[in-house]
Amino acid sequence: MSFQYTALGDSLTTGFGALPGNGFVPVYRRTAESRLGSFVASSNLGVNGMTTAELEQRLRRSNVFRQSVREADIITISIGGNDLIRAAKSGSGPNGISPRVLQKSLQECRQNFGGIMNLLGQLKAGTREPYIIRIVGLYNPYPQVEEATAWVRQFNQYASGYSSRVVGFASIYGEFAGNERGLLSIDHLHPNGRGYRVIASKLDGLGYGMLY
């Protein structure tokens, strides 16, 4: 017996900032394989710069994404960070980042994320169970910006609300807060190899549900 792992998301899913094979997807795949005692094939559908709106569209329109989700026993999602980064860039002025712009983006981000979770449920309806979905929480790419901290915390709170028998939320905020220097790559935005190992470890810690 073998398992199929589909990774959805942004540059964290692609492993940007780390050497090849050191992103959280390959590390988690190898861990899952040893835990489950079976081969785990992976399909990495990460796209650098992807936002929640873009992932929702792919799940609606892309046959590759839809089919890959239908066939998956394990699904991970890392999304939302670019929504914050775009809002911070578009809303920054002489007085810092506009709280109004951030609030609007957070509202849209949560709405899109809800759409993503609904689509995953629809795509998995009628497919063979069991399967698991794992959400990678956000860390704050702008730790020095108070509003960004609030944005990330509120998004994480919303996303963790989807936790269920099938869905698990990997909270990484606490691990990264204050440890950015050790866990982020030289761009100060993406995790380094150590940072990705932290993410993979948190995913592993959620267990493998009914896949055993």
C-alpha atoms as a PDB file:
ATOM      1  CA  MET A   1       0.000   0.000   0.000  1.00  0.00           C
ATOM      2  CA  SER A   2       1.205   3.517  -0.750  1.00  0.00           C
ATOM      3  CA  PHE A   3      -0.051   7.002   0.064  1.00  0.00           C
ATOM      4  CA  GLN A   4      -0.439  10.124  -2.042  1.00  0.00           C
ATOM      5  CA  TYR A   5       0.575  13.507  -0.577  1.00  0.00           C
ATOM      6  CA  THR A   6      -0.538  16.740  -2.274  1.00  0.00           C
ATOM      7  CA  ALA A   7       1.035  20.014  -1.110  1.00  0.00           C
ATOM      8  CA  LEU A   8      -0.879  23.212  -1.889  1.00  0.00           C
ATOM      9  CA  GLY A   9       0.288  26.743  -1.256  1.00  0.00           C
ATOM     10  CA  ASP A  10       2.830  29.480  -1.692  1.00  0.00           C
ATOM     11  CA  SER A  11       6.629  29.769  -1.517  1.00  0.00           C
ATOM     12  CA  LEU A  12       6.682  27.898   1.806  1.00  0.00           C
ATOM     13  CA  THR A  13       5.291  24.900  -0.060  1.00  0.00           C
ATOM     14  CA  THR A  14       7.911  25.282  -2.814  1.00  0.00           C
ATOM     15  CA  GLY A  15      10.609  25.423  -0.101  1.00  0.00           C
ATOM     16  CA  PHE A  16      11.915  28.821  -1.204  1.00  0.00           C
ATOM     17  CA  GLY A  17      14.903  29.932   0.879  1.00  0.00           C
ATOM     18  CA  ALA A  18      16.256  26.444   1.585  1.00  0.00           C
ATOM     19  CA  LEU A  19      18.441  24.043  -0.364  1.00  0.00           C
ATOM     20  CA  PRO A  20      16.602  21.533  -2.586  1.00  0.00           C
ATOM     21  CA  GLY A  21      15.079  18.713  -0.553  1.00  0.00           C
ATOM     22  CA  ASN A  22      15.076  20.825   2.629  1.00  0.00           C
ATOM     23  CA  GLY A  23      11.676  22.503   2.341  1.00  0.00           C
ATOM     24  CA  PHE A  24       8.978  21.295   4.716  1.00  0.00           C
ATOM     25  CA  VAL A  25       7.239  19.261   1.967  1.00  0.00           C
ATOM     26  CA  PRO A  26      10.079  16.781   1.296  1.00  0.00           C
ATOM     27  CA  VAL A  27      10.992  16.620   4.996  1.00  0.00           C
ATOM     28  CA  TYR A  28       7.369  15.961   6.024  1.00  0.00           C
ATOM     29  CA  ARG A  29       6.968  13.418   3.205  1.00  0.00           C
ATOM     30  CA  ARG A  30       9.967  11.439   4.462  1.00  0.00           C
ATOM     31  CA  THR A  31       8.707  11.609   8.053  1.00  0.00           C
ATOM     32  CA  ALA A  32       5.208  10.505   7.012  1.00  0.00           C
ATOM     33  CA  GLU A  33       6.728   7.613   5.110  1.00  0.00           C
ATOM     34  CA  SER A  34       8.611   6.341   8.159  1.00  0.00           C
ATOM     35  CA  ARG A  35       5.583   6.867  10.449  1.00  0.00           C
ATOM     36  CA  LEU A  36       3.161   5.096   8.105  1.00  0.00           C
ATOM     37  CA  GLY A  37       5.633   2.409   7.092  1.00  0.00           C
ATOM     38  CA  SER A  38       4.616   2.795   3.442  1.00  0.00           C
ATOM     39  CA  PHE A  39       5.812   4.672   0.394  1.00  0.00           C
ATOM     40  CA  VAL A  40       4.450   8.232   0.173  1.00  0.00           C
ATOM     41  CA  ALA A  41       4.366   9.787  -3.318  1.00  0.00           C
ATOM     42  CA  SER A  42       4.191  13.572  -3.347  1.00  0.00           C
ATOM     43  CA  SER A  43       2.819  16.168  -5.720  1.00  0.00           C
ATOM     44  CA  ASN A  44       4.079  19.680  -4.920  1.00  0.00           C
ATOM     45  CA  LEU A  45       1.675  22.283  -6.340  1.00  0.00           C
ATOM     46  CA  GLY A  46       3.275  25.224  -4.520  1.00  0.00           C
ATOM     47  CA  VAL A  47       3.491  28.523  -6.420  1.00  0.00           C
ATOM     48  CA  ASN A  48       5.784  31.339  -5.256  1.00  0.00           C
ATOM     49  CA  GLY A  49       3.775  34.467  -4.439  1.00  0.00           C
ATOM     50  CA  MET A  50       0.407  32.694  -4.434  1.00  0.00           C
ATOM     51  CA  THR A  51      -2.423  34.325  -2.476  1.00  0.00           C
ATOM     52  CA  THR A  52      -5.577  32.808  -0.988  1.00  0.00           C
ATOM     53  CA  ALA A  53      -7.631  34.214  -3.911  1.00  0.00           C
ATOM     54  CA  GLU A  54      -5.297  32.570  -6.434  1.00  0.00           C
ATOM     55  CA  LEU A  55      -5.348  29.193  -4.688  1.00  0.00           C
ATOM     56  CA  GLU A  56      -9.137  29.298  -4.520  1.00  0.00           C
ATOM     57  CA  GLN A  57      -9.248  29.967  -8.291  1.00  0.00           C
ATOM     58  CA  ARG A  58      -6.856  27.074  -9.023  1.00  0.00           C
ATOM     59  CA  LEU A  59      -9.032  24.713  -7.004  1.00  0.00           C
ATOM     60  CA  ARG A  60     -12.057  25.852  -8.995  1.00  0.00           C
ATOM     61  CA  ARG A  61     -10.524  25.826 -12.462  1.00  0.00           C
ATOM     62  CA  SER A  62      -7.364  23.752 -12.680  1.00  0.00           C
ATOM     63  CA  ASN A  63      -7.884  20.084 -13.497  1.00  0.00           C
ATOM     64  CA  VAL A  64      -4.373  19.333 -12.222  1.00  0.00           C
ATOM     65  CA  PHE A  65      -5.153  20.832  -8.800  1.00  0.00           C
ATOM     66  CA  ARG A  66      -8.610  19.258  -8.592  1.00  0.00           C
ATOM     67  CA  GLN A  67      -7.453  15.787  -9.582  1.00  0.00           C
ATOM     68  CA  SER A  68      -4.435  15.932  -7.292  1.00  0.00           C
ATOM     69  CA  VAL A  69      -6.682  16.839  -4.328  1.00  0.00           C
ATOM     70  CA  ARG A  70      -9.165  14.071  -5.169  1.00  0.00           C
ATOM     71  CA  GLU A  71      -6.390  11.465  -5.200  1.00  0.00           C
ATOM     72  CA  ALA A  72      -4.611  12.681  -2.057  1.00  0.00           C
ATOM     73  CA  ASP A  73      -4.494  10.850   1.249  1.00  0.00           C
ATOM     74  CA  ILE A  74      -2.506  13.697   2.809  1.00  0.00           C
ATOM     75  CA  ILE A  75      -2.990  17.388   1.922  1.00  0.00           C
ATOM     76  CA  THR A  76      -0.997  20.315   3.325  1.00  0.00           C
ATOM     77  CA  ILE A  77      -1.867  23.974   2.780  1.00  0.00           C
ATOM     78  CA  SER A  78       0.438  26.940   3.382  1.00  0.00           C
ATOM     79  CA  ILE A  79      -1.316  30.123   2.308  1.00  0.00           C
ATOM     80  CA  GLY A  80      -2.098  33.639   3.552  1.00  0.00           C
ATOM     81  CA  GLY A  81       1.380  35.108   3.997  1.00  0.00           C
ATOM     82  CA  ASN A  82       1.335  36.809   0.592  1.00  0.00           C
ATOM     83  CA  ASP A  83      -2.044  38.384   1.327  1.00  0.00           C
ATOM     84  CA  LEU A  84      -0.408  40.129   4.276  1.00  0.00           C
ATOM     85  CA  ILE A  85       2.767  41.017   2.364  1.00  0.00           C
ATOM     86  CA  ARG A  86       0.805  42.550  -0.533  1.00  0.00           C
ATOM     87  CA  ALA A  87      -1.417  44.538   1.824  1.00  0.00           C
ATOM     88  CA  ALA A  88       1.594  45.776   3.774  1.00  0.00           C
ATOM     89  CA  LYS A  89       3.307  46.923   0.558  1.00  0.00           C
ATOM     90  CA  SER A  90       0.239  48.563  -0.985  1.00  0.00           C
ATOM     91  CA  GLY A  91      -0.853  50.142   2.282  1.00  0.00           C
ATOM     92  CA  SER A  92       2.463  51.525   3.474  1.00  0.00           C
ATOM     93  CA  GLY A  93       2.851  55.275   3.641  1.00  0.00           C
ATOM     94  CA  PRO A  94       4.763  57.887   5.653  1.00  0.00           C
ATOM     95  CA  ASN A  95       2.825  56.922   8.789  1.00  0.00           C
ATOM     96  CA  GLY A  96       3.505  53.207   8.450  1.00  0.00           C
ATOM     97  CA  ILE A  97       1.089  50.564   7.179  1.00  0.00           C
ATOM     98  CA  SER A  98      -2.559  51.603   6.869  1.00  0.00           C
ATOM     99  CA  PRO A  99      -4.683  49.649   9.397  1.00  0.00           C
ATOM    100  CA  ARG A 100      -7.673  50.044   7.055  1.00  0.00           C
ATOM    101  CA  VAL A 101      -5.867  48.332   4.175  1.00  0.00           C
ATOM    102  CA  LEU A 102      -4.715  45.538   6.498  1.00  0.00           C
ATOM    103  CA  GLN A 103      -8.201  45.016   7.917  1.00  0.00           C
ATOM    104  CA  LYS A 104      -9.736  44.804   4.453  1.00  0.00           C
ATOM    105  CA  SER A 105      -7.114  42.289   3.309  1.00  0.00           C
ATOM    106  CA  LEU A 106      -7.629  40.170   6.429  1.00  0.00           C
ATOM    107  CA  GLN A 107     -11.376  40.055   5.779  1.00  0.00           C
ATOM    108  CA  GLU A 108     -10.828  38.997   2.156  1.00  0.00           C
ATOM    109  CA  CYS A 109      -8.140  36.491   3.149  1.00  0.00           C
ATOM    110  CA  ARG A 110     -10.440  34.780   5.649  1.00  0.00           C
ATOM    111  CA  GLN A 111     -13.256  34.689   3.110  1.00  0.00           C
ATOM    112  CA  ASN A 112     -10.977  33.138   0.468  1.00  0.00           C
ATOM    113  CA  PHE A 113      -9.614  30.639   2.967  1.00  0.00           C
ATOM    114  CA  GLY A 114     -13.157  29.587   3.822  1.00  0.00           C
ATOM    115  CA  GLY A 115     -13.733  29.093   0.090  1.00  0.00           C
ATOM    116  CA  ILE A 116     -10.585  26.946  -0.160  1.00  0.00           C
ATOM    117  CA  MET A 117     -11.707  24.703   2.701  1.00  0.00           C
ATOM    118  CA  ASN A 118     -15.201  24.359   1.186  1.00  0.00           C
ATOM    119  CA  LEU A 119     -13.730  23.396  -2.176  1.00  0.00           C
ATOM    120  CA  LEU A 120     -11.472  20.797  -0.566  1.00  0.00           C
ATOM    121  CA  GLY A 121     -14.534  19.322   1.146  1.00  0.00           C
ATOM    122  CA  GLN A 122     -16.418  19.213  -2.168  1.00  0.00           C
ATOM    123  CA  LEU A 123     -13.500  17.628  -4.024  1.00  0.00           C
ATOM    124  CA  LYS A 124     -13.063  14.985  -1.334  1.00  0.00           C
ATOM    125  CA  ALA A 125     -16.794  14.171  -1.086  1.00  0.00           C
ATOM    126  CA  GLY A 126     -17.318  10.693  -2.424  1.00  0.00           C
ATOM    127  CA  THR A 127     -13.593   9.891  -2.617  1.00  0.00           C
ATOM    128  CA  ARG A 128     -12.095   7.107  -0.586  1.00  0.00           C
ATOM    129  CA  GLU A 129     -11.521   7.851   3.042  1.00  0.00           C
ATOM    130  CA  PRO A 130      -9.593   8.199   5.201  1.00  0.00           C
ATOM    131  CA  TYR A 131      -7.577  11.291   4.329  1.00  0.00           C
ATOM    132  CA  ILE A 132      -6.056  14.134   6.334  1.00  0.00           C
ATOM    133  CA  ILE A 133      -5.714  17.867   5.701  1.00  0.00           C
ATOM    134  CA  ARG A 134      -3.017  19.852   7.500  1.00  0.00           C
ATOM    135  CA  ILE A 135      -2.982  23.661   7.599  1.00  0.00           C
ATOM    136  CA  VAL A 136       0.357  25.408   8.164  1.00  0.00           C
ATOM    137  CA  GLY A 137      -0.256  28.428  10.381  1.00  0.00           C
ATOM    138  CA  LEU A 138       1.448  31.745   9.690  1.00  0.00           C
ATOM    139  CA  TYR A 139       4.448  33.292  11.383  1.00  0.00           C
ATOM    140  CA  ASN A 140       4.861  37.058  11.218  1.00  0.00           C
ATOM    141  CA  PRO A 141       7.158  38.180   8.373  1.00  0.00           C
ATOM    142  CA  TYR A 142       7.091  41.719   9.872  1.00  0.00           C
ATOM    143  CA  PRO A 143       7.738  41.104  13.590  1.00  0.00           C
ATOM    144  CA  GLN A 144       8.533  44.765  14.143  1.00  0.00           C
ATOM    145  CA  VAL A 145       5.072  45.869  12.895  1.00  0.00           C
ATOM    146  CA  GLU A 146       2.378  45.658  15.561  1.00  0.00           C
ATOM    147  CA  GLU A 147      -0.509  45.637  13.080  1.00  0.00           C
ATOM    148  CA  ALA A 148       1.049  42.721  11.194  1.00  0.00           C
ATOM    149  CA  THR A 149       1.264  40.740  14.445  1.00  0.00           C
ATOM    150  CA  ALA A 150      -2.464  41.319  15.033  1.00  0.00           C
ATOM    151  CA  TRP A 151      -3.228  40.326  11.411  1.00  0.00           C
ATOM    152  CA  VAL A 152      -1.308  37.037  11.689  1.00  0.00           C
ATOM    153  CA  ARG A 153      -2.835  36.157  15.054  1.00  0.00           C
ATOM    154  CA  GLN A 154      -6.363  36.790  13.776  1.00  0.00           C
ATOM    155  CA  PHE A 155      -5.785  34.762  10.620  1.00  0.00           C
ATOM    156  CA  ASN A 156      -4.337  31.870  12.629  1.00  0.00           C
ATOM    157  CA  GLN A 157      -7.280  31.963  15.014  1.00  0.00           C
ATOM    158  CA  TYR A 158      -9.673  31.776  12.069  1.00  0.00           C
ATOM    159  CA  ALA A 159      -7.789  28.985  10.247  1.00  0.00           C
ATOM    160  CA  SER A 160      -7.404  26.896  13.412  1.00  0.00           C
ATOM    161  CA  GLY A 161     -11.203  26.945  13.718  1.00  0.00           C
ATOM    162  CA  TYR A 162     -11.300  24.374  10.904  1.00  0.00           C
ATOM    163  CA  SER A 163      -9.668  21.739  13.108  1.00  0.00           C
ATOM    164  CA  SER A 164     -11.608  18.479  13.099  1.00  0.00           C
ATOM    165  CA  ARG A 165     -11.122  14.721  12.950  1.00  0.00           C
ATOM    166  CA  VAL A 166      -9.716  15.214   9.435  1.00  0.00           C
ATOM    167  CA  VAL A 167      -8.225  18.725   9.578  1.00  0.00           C
ATOM    168  CA  GLY A 168      -5.273  19.676  11.767  1.00  0.00           C
ATOM    169  CA  PHE A 169      -3.735  23.132  12.312  1.00  0.00           C
ATOM    170  CA  ALA A 170       0.047  23.358  12.733  1.00  0.00           C
ATOM    171  CA  SER A 171       0.734  26.428  14.850  1.00  0.00           C
ATOM    172  CA  ILE A 172       4.247  27.738  14.139  1.00  0.00           C
ATOM    173  CA  TYR A 173       3.805  31.346  15.298  1.00  0.00           C
ATOM    174  CA  GLY A 174       5.338  30.776  18.731  1.00  0.00           C
ATOM    175  CA  GLU A 175       8.352  28.930  17.338  1.00  0.00           C
ATOM    176  CA  PHE A 176       9.254  31.743  14.937  1.00  0.00           C
ATOM    177  CA  ALA A 177       8.418  34.754  17.161  1.00  0.00           C
ATOM    178  CA  GLY A 178      11.706  36.014  18.569  1.00  0.00           C
ATOM    179  CA  ASN A 179      13.681  33.327  16.733  1.00  0.00           C
ATOM    180  CA  GLU A 180      13.527  34.878  13.262  1.00  0.00           C
ATOM    181  CA  ARG A 181      17.297  35.209  13.040  1.00  0.00           C
ATOM    182  CA  GLY A 182      17.804  31.471  13.473  1.00  0.00           C
ATOM    183  CA  LEU A 183      14.835  30.252  11.447  1.00  0.00           C
ATOM    184  CA  LEU A 184      14.611  32.641   8.484  1.00  0.00           C
ATOM    185  CA  SER A 185      16.829  32.690   5.401  1.00  0.00           C
ATOM    186  CA  ILE A 186      18.925  35.684   4.370  1.00  0.00           C
ATOM    187  CA  ASP A 187      15.887  37.419   2.816  1.00  0.00           C
ATOM    188  CA  HIS A 188      14.386  37.621   6.375  1.00  0.00           C
ATOM    189  CA  LEU A 189      11.063  36.537   4.871  1.00  0.00           C
ATOM    190  CA  HIS A 190      11.261  32.813   4.088  1.00  0.00           C
ATOM    191  CA  PRO A 191      12.325  30.013   6.421  1.00  0.00           C
ATOM    192  CA  ASN A 192      15.770  28.472   6.100  1.00  0.00           C
ATOM    193  CA  GLY A 193      16.353  24.717   6.350  1.00  0.00           C
ATOM    194  CA  ARG A 194      15.997  24.846  10.138  1.00  0.00           C
ATOM    195  CA  GLY A 195      12.771  26.823   9.862  1.00  0.00           C
ATOM    196  CA  TYR A 196      11.304  24.307   7.430  1.00  0.00           C
ATOM    197  CA  ARG A 197      12.249  21.444   9.741  1.00  0.00           C
ATOM    198  CA  VAL A 198      10.312  23.194  12.521  1.00  0.00           C
ATOM    199  CA  ILE A 199       7.250  23.319  10.247  1.00  0.00           C
ATOM    200  CA  ALA A 200       7.600  19.658   9.232  1.00  0.00           C
ATOM    201  CA  SER A 201       7.978  18.664  12.871  1.00  0.00           C
ATOM    202  CA  LYS A 202       4.793  20.545  13.856  1.00  0.00           C
ATOM    203  CA  LEU A 203       2.902  18.833  11.024  1.00  0.00           C
ATOM    204  CA  ASP A 204       4.222  15.453  12.127  1.00  0.00           C
ATOM    205  CA  GLY A 205       3.166  16.224  15.705  1.00  0.00           C
ATOM    206  CA  LEU A 206      -0.480  16.399  14.587  1.00  0.00           C
ATOM    207  CA  GLY A 207      -0.393  12.689  13.845  1.00  0.00           C
ATOM    208  CA  TYR A 208      -1.797  10.855  10.842  1.00  0.00           C
ATOM    209  CA  GLY A 209      -5.434  10.431  11.818  1.00  0.00           C
ATOM    210  CA  MET A 210      -7.072   7.321  10.444  1.00  0.00           C
ATOM    211  CA  LEU A 211      -4.284   6.637   7.903  1.00  0.00           C
ATOM    212  CA  TYR A 212      -2.650   4.113  10.233  1.00  0.00           C
END
